[in-house]
Amino acid sequence: MAGEEWKNSDLTFTTRTGTPIEPRNFNRAFESHCHQAGVPRIRVHDTRHTCASLLAALDVHPRVAMRIMRHSQISMAMDVYTQIPTPETRKALDRLNQSLDRPSDV
């Protein structure tokens, strides 16, 4: 659509003419899309961690996740995967959360 104004690059996200997006503008657009979708606002970088965590929770093989996330080394993908809470950890954190939600007698 940009025609002769298009600038080729290897960037994933660009302006309408192919030039780099100003980071503040990208963040503002991301926040706007989050608001429109009715999802909590998180940092853009956190979307990568969320994606990796979801892939791990779905038992996607770490090599496949590595390719999806475009990590250069399997150790990077495995570092993310080792942060996935086990069912026991989730249960303990749920109990902690419930204890914090209760009014204190003090």
N, C-alpha and C. Protein backbone atom coordinates (compact mmCIF):
# COMPACT_ATOMS: atom_id res chain seq x y z
N MET A 1 0.81 -1.20 0.00
CA MET A 1 0.00 0.00 0.00
C MET A 1 0.86 1.26 0.00
N ALA A 2 2.07 1.16 0.57
CA ALA A 2 2.93 2.35 0.64
C ALA A 2 3.56 2.68 -0.70
N GLY A 3 3.56 1.71 -1.61
CA GLY A 3 4.12 1.95 -2.93
C GLY A 3 5.59 2.30 -2.89
N GLU A 4 5.95 3.36 -3.59
CA GLU A 4 7.36 3.76 -3.68
C GLU A 4 7.92 4.29 -2.38
N GLU A 5 7.05 4.64 -1.43
CA GLU A 5 7.51 5.15 -0.13
C GLU A 5 8.02 4.02 0.78
N TRP A 6 7.73 2.72 0.43
CA TRP A 6 8.10 1.59 1.29
C TRP A 6 9.61 1.44 1.40
N LYS A 7 10.08 1.26 2.63
CA LYS A 7 11.49 1.04 2.92
C LYS A 7 11.64 -0.41 3.39
N ASN A 8 12.37 -1.23 2.62
CA ASN A 8 12.60 -2.62 3.01
C ASN A 8 13.50 -2.69 4.23
N SER A 9 13.18 -3.61 5.14
CA SER A 9 14.02 -3.83 6.32
C SER A 9 13.77 -5.25 6.81
N ASP A 10 14.55 -5.69 7.79
CA ASP A 10 14.32 -7.01 8.38
C ASP A 10 13.56 -6.89 9.69
N LEU A 11 12.91 -5.77 9.91
CA LEU A 11 12.16 -5.54 11.14
C LEU A 11 10.83 -6.29 11.13
N THR A 12 10.41 -6.74 12.31
CA THR A 12 9.13 -7.43 12.44
C THR A 12 7.98 -6.43 12.42
N PHE A 13 8.14 -5.34 13.15
CA PHE A 13 7.12 -4.30 13.22
C PHE A 13 7.69 -3.01 12.64
N THR A 14 6.93 -2.40 11.77
CA THR A 14 7.37 -1.14 11.15
C THR A 14 6.20 -0.17 11.08
N THR A 15 6.52 1.04 10.67
CA THR A 15 5.47 2.00 10.37
C THR A 15 4.81 1.58 9.06
N ARG A 16 3.86 2.32 8.60
CA ARG A 16 3.16 1.99 7.35
C ARG A 16 4.06 2.09 6.12
N THR A 17 5.21 2.74 6.30
CA THR A 17 6.13 2.85 5.17
C THR A 17 7.37 1.99 5.33
N GLY A 18 7.39 1.13 6.37
CA GLY A 18 8.50 0.21 6.55
C GLY A 18 9.64 0.73 7.40
N THR A 19 9.51 1.92 7.94
CA THR A 19 10.57 2.48 8.78
C THR A 19 10.39 2.01 10.22
N PRO A 20 11.45 2.10 11.04
CA PRO A 20 11.33 1.67 12.44
C PRO A 20 10.28 2.48 13.19
N ILE A 21 9.59 1.80 14.10
CA ILE A 21 8.59 2.47 14.93
C ILE A 21 9.29 3.07 16.14
N GLU A 22 8.94 4.29 16.46
CA GLU A 22 9.43 4.92 17.67
C GLU A 22 8.92 4.10 18.86
N PRO A 23 9.81 3.66 19.77
CA PRO A 23 9.38 2.80 20.88
C PRO A 23 8.20 3.33 21.68
N ARG A 24 8.17 4.61 21.96
CA ARG A 24 7.03 5.16 22.73
C ARG A 24 5.73 5.00 21.95
N ASN A 25 5.78 5.19 20.64
CA ASN A 25 4.57 5.01 19.83
C ASN A 25 4.12 3.56 19.83
N PHE A 26 5.10 2.64 19.74
CA PHE A 26 4.75 1.21 19.78
C PHE A 26 4.09 0.87 21.11
N ASN A 27 4.68 1.35 22.21
CA ASN A 27 4.10 1.06 23.53
C ASN A 27 2.71 1.64 23.68
N ARG A 28 2.50 2.85 23.19
CA ARG A 28 1.16 3.45 23.25
C ARG A 28 0.15 2.64 22.45
N ALA A 29 0.54 2.20 21.26
CA ALA A 29 -0.36 1.39 20.43
C ALA A 29 -0.64 0.05 21.11
N PHE A 30 0.38 -0.56 21.70
CA PHE A 30 0.21 -1.83 22.40
C PHE A 30 -0.77 -1.68 23.56
N GLU A 31 -0.59 -0.62 24.35
CA GLU A 31 -1.50 -0.36 25.47
C GLU A 31 -2.92 -0.14 24.99
N SER A 32 -3.07 0.57 23.89
CA SER A 32 -4.39 0.81 23.33
C SER A 32 -5.06 -0.50 22.91
N HIS A 33 -4.29 -1.37 22.27
CA HIS A 33 -4.84 -2.66 21.84
C HIS A 33 -5.22 -3.52 23.06
N CYS A 34 -4.40 -3.48 24.11
CA CYS A 34 -4.73 -4.21 25.33
C CYS A 34 -6.05 -3.71 25.91
N HIS A 35 -6.20 -2.39 25.96
CA HIS A 35 -7.42 -1.78 26.50
C HIS A 35 -8.63 -2.20 25.66
N GLN A 36 -8.50 -2.11 24.34
CA GLN A 36 -9.61 -2.48 23.46
C GLN A 36 -9.97 -3.95 23.58
N ALA A 37 -8.98 -4.80 23.85
CA ALA A 37 -9.22 -6.24 23.99
C ALA A 37 -9.72 -6.60 25.38
N GLY A 38 -9.64 -5.66 26.31
CA GLY A 38 -10.08 -5.92 27.67
C GLY A 38 -9.15 -6.83 28.45
N VAL A 39 -7.87 -6.77 28.12
CA VAL A 39 -6.88 -7.59 28.83
C VAL A 39 -5.98 -6.68 29.66
N PRO A 40 -5.40 -7.21 30.73
CA PRO A 40 -4.53 -6.38 31.56
C PRO A 40 -3.34 -5.86 30.76
N ARG A 41 -2.91 -4.66 31.10
CA ARG A 41 -1.75 -4.06 30.44
C ARG A 41 -0.49 -4.66 31.03
N ILE A 42 0.36 -5.16 30.16
CA ILE A 42 1.67 -5.68 30.58
C ILE A 42 2.72 -5.08 29.66
N ARG A 43 3.98 -5.24 30.05
CA ARG A 43 5.05 -4.76 29.18
C ARG A 43 5.11 -5.63 27.93
N VAL A 44 5.50 -5.05 26.82
CA VAL A 44 5.60 -5.79 25.57
C VAL A 44 6.53 -6.99 25.75
N HIS A 45 7.65 -6.80 26.42
CA HIS A 45 8.59 -7.91 26.62
C HIS A 45 7.94 -9.07 27.37
N ASP A 46 7.01 -8.76 28.27
CA ASP A 46 6.34 -9.81 29.04
C ASP A 46 5.51 -10.73 28.16
N THR A 47 5.13 -10.26 26.98
CA THR A 47 4.36 -11.13 26.08
C THR A 47 5.21 -12.31 25.62
N ARG A 48 6.51 -12.11 25.48
CA ARG A 48 7.41 -13.22 25.12
C ARG A 48 7.44 -14.26 26.23
N HIS A 49 7.55 -13.79 27.47
CA HIS A 49 7.58 -14.72 28.59
C HIS A 49 6.24 -15.46 28.69
N THR A 50 5.15 -14.74 28.49
CA THR A 50 3.83 -15.37 28.53
C THR A 50 3.72 -16.44 27.46
N CYS A 51 4.17 -16.14 26.27
CA CYS A 51 4.13 -17.11 25.17
C CYS A 51 4.95 -18.35 25.54
N ALA A 52 6.16 -18.14 26.03
CA ALA A 52 7.01 -19.27 26.41
C ALA A 52 6.38 -20.08 27.53
N SER A 53 5.78 -19.41 28.51
CA SER A 53 5.14 -20.11 29.61
C SER A 53 3.95 -20.93 29.14
N LEU A 54 3.17 -20.36 28.23
CA LEU A 54 2.02 -21.10 27.69
C LEU A 54 2.48 -22.31 26.88
N LEU A 55 3.53 -22.15 26.10
CA LEU A 55 4.06 -23.28 25.34
C LEU A 55 4.52 -24.39 26.28
N ALA A 56 5.18 -24.00 27.37
CA ALA A 56 5.64 -24.99 28.35
C ALA A 56 4.46 -25.68 29.02
N ALA A 57 3.46 -24.91 29.39
CA ALA A 57 2.28 -25.49 30.04
C ALA A 57 1.55 -26.45 29.11
N LEU A 58 1.67 -26.23 27.80
CA LEU A 58 1.04 -27.11 26.81
C LEU A 58 1.95 -28.27 26.43
N ASP A 59 3.06 -28.42 27.15
CA ASP A 59 4.03 -29.50 26.91
C ASP A 59 4.62 -29.48 25.49
N VAL A 60 4.78 -28.29 24.94
CA VAL A 60 5.46 -28.16 23.65
C VAL A 60 6.93 -28.46 23.90
N HIS A 61 7.53 -29.25 23.04
CA HIS A 61 8.93 -29.63 23.22
C HIS A 61 9.80 -28.37 23.24
N PRO A 62 10.76 -28.31 24.16
CA PRO A 62 11.61 -27.11 24.27
C PRO A 62 12.30 -26.70 22.97
N ARG A 63 12.69 -27.67 22.14
CA ARG A 63 13.32 -27.33 20.84
C ARG A 63 12.33 -26.58 19.95
N VAL A 64 11.08 -27.02 19.96
CA VAL A 64 10.05 -26.34 19.15
C VAL A 64 9.81 -24.94 19.70
N ALA A 65 9.70 -24.84 21.02
CA ALA A 65 9.51 -23.53 21.65
C ALA A 65 10.69 -22.61 21.33
N MET A 66 11.89 -23.18 21.33
CA MET A 66 13.09 -22.41 21.02
C MET A 66 12.96 -21.78 19.63
N ARG A 67 12.48 -22.56 18.68
CA ARG A 67 12.31 -22.03 17.31
C ARG A 67 11.23 -20.96 17.26
N ILE A 68 10.11 -21.22 17.95
CA ILE A 68 9.02 -20.25 17.97
C ILE A 68 9.47 -18.94 18.59
N MET A 69 10.20 -19.04 19.70
CA MET A 69 10.65 -17.85 20.42
C MET A 69 11.89 -17.22 19.77
N ARG A 70 12.47 -17.94 18.81
CA ARG A 70 13.66 -17.50 18.11
C ARG A 70 14.85 -17.33 19.05
N HIS A 71 14.92 -18.22 20.04
CA HIS A 71 16.11 -18.26 20.90
C HIS A 71 17.24 -18.89 20.11
N SER A 72 18.45 -18.43 20.34
CA SER A 72 19.59 -18.97 19.61
C SER A 72 20.15 -20.22 20.28
N GLN A 73 19.82 -20.42 21.56
CA GLN A 73 20.33 -21.58 22.28
C GLN A 73 19.23 -22.25 23.07
N ILE A 74 19.29 -23.57 23.16
CA ILE A 74 18.29 -24.32 23.92
C ILE A 74 18.32 -23.93 25.39
N SER A 75 19.48 -23.53 25.90
CA SER A 75 19.58 -23.14 27.32
C SER A 75 18.67 -21.96 27.63
N MET A 76 18.50 -21.05 26.68
CA MET A 76 17.62 -19.90 26.89
C MET A 76 16.18 -20.38 27.05
N ALA A 77 15.75 -21.27 26.18
CA ALA A 77 14.38 -21.80 26.28
C ALA A 77 14.21 -22.58 27.58
N MET A 78 15.21 -23.34 27.95
CA MET A 78 15.11 -24.14 29.17
C MET A 78 15.07 -23.27 30.41
N ASP A 79 15.76 -22.13 30.39
CA ASP A 79 15.70 -21.22 31.53
C ASP A 79 14.27 -20.75 31.75
N VAL A 80 13.55 -20.48 30.68
CA VAL A 80 12.16 -20.07 30.80
C VAL A 80 11.32 -21.24 31.30
N TYR A 81 11.56 -22.42 30.75
CA TYR A 81 10.77 -23.58 31.11
C TYR A 81 10.95 -23.98 32.57
N THR A 82 12.11 -23.75 33.14
CA THR A 82 12.33 -24.13 34.52
C THR A 82 11.61 -23.19 35.48
N GLN A 83 11.09 -22.08 34.98
CA GLN A 83 10.35 -21.16 35.84
C GLN A 83 8.86 -21.48 35.90
N ILE A 84 8.42 -22.48 35.14
CA ILE A 84 7.00 -22.84 35.13
C ILE A 84 6.66 -23.53 36.44
N PRO A 85 5.67 -23.00 37.17
CA PRO A 85 5.35 -23.60 38.46
C PRO A 85 4.71 -24.99 38.31
N THR A 86 5.08 -25.86 39.21
CA THR A 86 4.49 -27.19 39.25
C THR A 86 3.10 -27.09 39.87
N PRO A 87 2.28 -28.12 39.74
CA PRO A 87 0.96 -28.09 40.40
C PRO A 87 1.09 -27.86 41.92
N GLU A 88 2.14 -28.43 42.53
CA GLU A 88 2.34 -28.23 43.97
C GLU A 88 2.65 -26.77 44.29
N THR A 89 3.47 -26.15 43.44
CA THR A 89 3.79 -24.74 43.65
C THR A 89 2.55 -23.88 43.48
N ARG A 90 1.75 -24.16 42.47
CA ARG A 90 0.51 -23.40 42.26
C ARG A 90 -0.42 -23.53 43.47
N LYS A 91 -0.54 -24.76 44.00
CA LYS A 91 -1.40 -24.99 45.16
C LYS A 91 -0.90 -24.18 46.36
N ALA A 92 0.40 -24.20 46.59
CA ALA A 92 0.97 -23.45 47.71
C ALA A 92 0.74 -21.95 47.54
N LEU A 93 0.92 -21.46 46.32
CA LEU A 93 0.70 -20.03 46.07
C LEU A 93 -0.78 -19.67 46.23
N ASP A 94 -1.68 -20.55 45.82
CA ASP A 94 -3.11 -20.31 46.03
C ASP A 94 -3.43 -20.22 47.51
N ARG A 95 -2.84 -21.11 48.31
CA ARG A 95 -3.06 -21.07 49.76
C ARG A 95 -2.52 -19.77 50.34
N LEU A 96 -1.34 -19.35 49.88
CA LEU A 96 -0.76 -18.10 50.36
C LEU A 96 -1.67 -16.93 50.00
N ASN A 97 -2.17 -16.92 48.78
CA ASN A 97 -3.07 -15.86 48.34
C ASN A 97 -4.33 -15.81 49.19
N GLN A 98 -4.89 -16.97 49.47
CA GLN A 98 -6.11 -17.03 50.29
C GLN A 98 -5.83 -16.49 51.69
N SER A 99 -4.66 -16.81 52.23
CA SER A 99 -4.33 -16.33 53.59
C SER A 99 -4.16 -14.82 53.61
N LEU A 100 -3.67 -14.25 52.52
CA LEU A 100 -3.48 -12.81 52.44
C LEU A 100 -4.79 -12.07 52.22
N ASP A 101 -5.78 -12.76 51.65
CA ASP A 101 -7.09 -12.15 51.39
C ASP A 101 -7.94 -12.05 52.66
N ARG A 102 -7.61 -12.84 53.66
CA ARG A 102 -8.40 -12.84 54.89
C ARG A 102 -8.06 -11.60 55.73
N PRO A 103 -9.08 -10.98 56.31
CA PRO A 103 -8.81 -9.84 57.20
C PRO A 103 -7.99 -10.28 58.40
N SER A 104 -7.08 -9.45 58.79
CA SER A 104 -6.22 -9.75 59.94
C SER A 104 -6.95 -9.48 61.25
N ASP A 105 -6.69 -10.32 62.24
CA ASP A 105 -7.29 -10.13 63.58
C ASP A 105 -6.47 -9.14 64.40
N VAL A 106 -5.31 -8.75 63.88
CA VAL A 106 -4.41 -7.88 64.64
C VAL A 106 -4.81 -6.45 64.52
